[in-house]
Protein backbone atom coordinates (compact mmCIF):
# COMPACT_ATOMS: atom_id res chain seq x y z
CA MET A 1 -40.85 28.24 -13.29
CA GLY A 2 -40.64 24.31 -11.70
CA LEU A 3 -44.50 23.85 -12.06
CA GLN A 4 -46.12 20.89 -12.00
CA SER A 5 -49.01 19.81 -12.63
CA SER A 6 -50.35 16.90 -10.64
CA SER A 7 -53.00 14.31 -12.61
CA ARG A 8 -54.69 12.86 -9.79
CA GLU A 9 -57.83 14.13 -10.24
CA THR A 10 -60.30 15.57 -7.05
CA SER A 11 -62.93 13.03 -6.10
CA HIS A 12 -66.74 13.72 -5.52
CA ALA A 13 -68.97 12.89 -2.65
CA THR A 14 -71.35 10.45 -2.81
CA PHE A 15 -74.71 10.47 -0.90
CA ALA A 16 -73.89 7.52 0.69
CA GLU A 17 -70.42 9.24 2.32
CA LEU A 18 -72.43 12.82 2.40
CA ALA A 19 -74.93 10.52 5.31
CA ALA A 20 -72.08 8.96 6.40
CA PHE A 21 -70.71 12.46 7.87
CA ARG A 22 -73.96 13.83 8.67
CA THR A 23 -73.74 10.66 10.64
CA LYS A 24 -71.31 11.28 12.47
CA ALA A 25 -71.43 15.00 12.97
CA ILE A 26 -74.66 15.05 14.76
CA GLU A 27 -73.32 11.73 16.61
CA MET A 28 -69.56 14.18 17.87
CA GLY A 29 -71.73 17.00 18.56
CA TYR A 30 -71.73 19.36 15.19
CA PRO A 31 -75.16 19.57 13.79
CA SER A 32 -75.01 22.63 11.99
CA LEU A 33 -71.97 20.85 10.43
CA ALA A 34 -74.24 18.27 9.31
CA THR A 35 -76.82 20.84 8.12
CA SER A 36 -74.04 23.11 6.49
CA ALA A 37 -72.61 19.72 4.18
CA LEU A 38 -76.73 18.57 3.04
CA ILE A 39 -76.65 22.77 1.90
CA GLY A 40 -73.40 22.40 0.11
CA TRP A 41 -74.90 19.16 -1.15
CA GLU A 42 -78.33 20.33 -2.15
CA LEU A 43 -77.72 24.30 -2.74
CA LEU A 44 -74.66 23.81 -4.12
CA GLN A 45 -73.26 26.34 -2.19
CA ARG A 46 -68.91 27.34 -1.09
CA GLU A 47 -67.88 27.13 2.98
CA ALA A 48 -67.71 30.31 3.06
CA HIS A 49 -71.41 31.36 1.58
CA ILE A 50 -73.17 28.73 3.68
CA PHE A 51 -70.82 30.07 7.40
CA ILE A 52 -70.36 34.02 5.72
CA ARG A 53 -73.33 35.14 4.01
CA SER A 54 -76.67 32.69 5.38
CA THR A 55 -78.91 34.34 6.71
CA ALA A 56 -81.88 33.20 8.97
CA ASP A 57 -83.85 35.84 6.61
CA HIS A 58 -82.38 33.85 2.90
CA TYR A 59 -85.50 30.93 4.36
CA ARG A 60 -88.61 31.35 3.55
CA PRO A 61 -90.83 29.68 3.96
CA PRO A 62 -92.85 27.35 2.24
CA SER A 63 -92.44 29.22 -1.31
CA HIS A 64 -88.35 29.97 -1.51
CA VAL A 65 -84.69 29.93 -0.26
CA TYR A 66 -81.98 32.88 -0.70
CA VAL A 67 -79.08 31.22 -3.53
CA ILE A 68 -75.94 33.30 -3.80
CA ASN A 69 -73.30 32.64 -6.38
CA TYR A 70 -70.15 32.94 -4.45
CA LYS A 71 -68.13 33.92 -7.30
CA THR A 72 -70.27 36.52 -9.58
CA SER A 73 -72.07 38.11 -5.98
CA THR A 74 -76.22 37.80 -7.78
CA GLY A 75 -78.38 35.43 -6.55
CA SER A 76 -82.07 34.01 -6.54
CA TRP A 77 -85.17 33.22 -5.12
CA ASP A 78 -85.28 29.62 -5.51
CA PRO A 79 -88.80 27.78 -4.55
CA LEU A 80 -88.83 24.85 -2.18
CA PHE A 81 -91.76 23.58 -4.03
CA ASN A 82 -91.76 21.56 -7.94
CA ALA A 83 -94.46 22.37 -10.27
CA LYS A 84 -96.57 19.80 -8.69
CA GLY A 85 -96.50 21.26 -4.74
CA LYS A 86 -93.40 18.29 -4.13
CA ALA A 87 -90.78 19.13 -1.65
CA LEU A 88 -87.13 19.81 -3.88
CA TYR A 89 -85.10 19.12 -0.27
CA PRO A 90 -87.65 17.74 2.54
CA LEU A 91 -84.93 16.96 4.88
CA LEU A 92 -82.88 20.26 4.51
CA MET A 93 -86.49 22.08 4.32
CA ALA A 94 -87.25 20.14 7.55
CA GLU A 95 -83.98 21.30 9.49
CA LEU A 96 -83.95 25.06 8.36
CA ASP A 97 -87.46 24.95 9.53
CA ALA A 98 -85.81 24.39 12.97
CA ILE A 99 -83.16 26.29 13.01
CA LYS A 100 -85.39 28.84 11.36
CA GLU A 101 -88.17 28.28 14.35
CA LEU A 102 -84.73 30.00 16.31
CA ARG A 103 -83.86 32.51 14.86
CA PRO A 104 -87.02 34.63 12.98
CA THR A 105 -85.37 37.43 13.51
CA GLY A 106 -83.03 37.22 11.46
CA GLY A 107 -79.03 37.02 12.36
CA LEU A 108 -76.95 33.11 10.64
CA MET A 109 -78.34 30.79 10.18
CA LEU A 110 -75.39 28.45 11.09
CA ARG A 111 -73.57 29.41 15.03
CA ARG A 112 -71.61 27.05 16.12
CA ASP A 113 -73.02 24.17 17.90
CA GLY A 114 -73.60 25.16 21.27
CA SER A 115 -72.90 28.47 21.59
CA SER A 116 -73.97 32.02 19.56
CA LEU A 117 -71.16 32.90 18.08
CA PRO A 118 -70.35 32.56 14.01
CA TRP A 119 -68.02 29.94 12.68
CA PHE A 120 -65.49 32.57 11.10
CA GLY A 121 -62.88 33.93 12.35
CA LYS A 122 -61.27 37.42 11.56
CA GLY A 123 -60.48 38.07 8.46
CA GLU A 124 -63.56 35.61 7.63
CA THR A 125 -61.52 31.55 7.54
CA LEU A 126 -63.37 28.95 8.44
CA THR A 127 -59.93 27.78 9.82
CA GLN A 128 -61.71 25.60 12.12
CA VAL A 129 -64.80 24.54 10.22
CA GLN A 130 -61.42 23.48 8.34
CA ARG A 131 -60.49 21.17 11.14
CA ILE A 132 -63.25 19.49 13.01
CA THR A 133 -65.04 18.78 8.85
CA LYS A 134 -61.46 17.16 8.95
CA ARG A 135 -62.08 15.25 12.42
CA ILE A 136 -65.47 13.88 11.53
CA ILE A 137 -64.22 12.64 8.24
CA LEU A 138 -60.83 10.43 9.46
CA ALA A 139 -63.97 9.95 12.49
CA ALA A 140 -66.87 8.55 9.33
CA GLY A 141 -64.08 6.85 7.70
């Protein structure tokens, strides 16, 4: 059938690369994309869940965050603190706390920066997120 396999492995980001991306995203005026990268890193969420399915109601401080397995459409309430009372995601929690204050009645957790519009387009496409993310990655080196 003419199919060819590539032996190239997908490289995984390091925490230093995540930090560089987040710094550059904030510098370029996209703090919501910086938060989205941290959500993906900490909660292992796919972009569709982060931008399309995640609502302010999914974050319930001080105890839990709702994490959805997008492939199986099942979710669970994961704790925000360990058994000793130490925060599991202190940086993420601080950012989600600030977002939650803006959306006390619910709605999408992440919206376009400087707008109340969602990041996704028609048919739940994330083309704009992907395009801007690529620019940030290139700018961050």
